[in-house]
Amino acid sequence: MAKKEPEVPHPYVGMWMTEDSYIRHQLLPNNRYIEARGNKEVAYQGRYRISGDYIEYWDDTGFTADGTFINGVLYHAGMILYRQ
């Protein structure tokens, strides 16, 4: 039986935040995310899907959003988030 190769996380997995660090998106390798806002460590959470440079979010309350990665920057719902 062949050994299964370990899965490599998507290159966009990780922490993204606004310049002032107020909004923070943690994109987890299991296609879940946690959004922190200010002192609230879990303001929103849910699942996400990345297709190329496009990301779609579905939070656990049913809200949906999307964004685009351009030159290493995430543009999402009027916000600009940078990789940390």
Foldseek 3Di string as FASTA:
>chain_A
DDDDDDDDADPVAAWKAAPVRQWIWHQHSVQKIAIHGHPRRGPWIAGWDDDPQKIWTATPVGDIWIWGQDPQWTCTPNTIIHGD
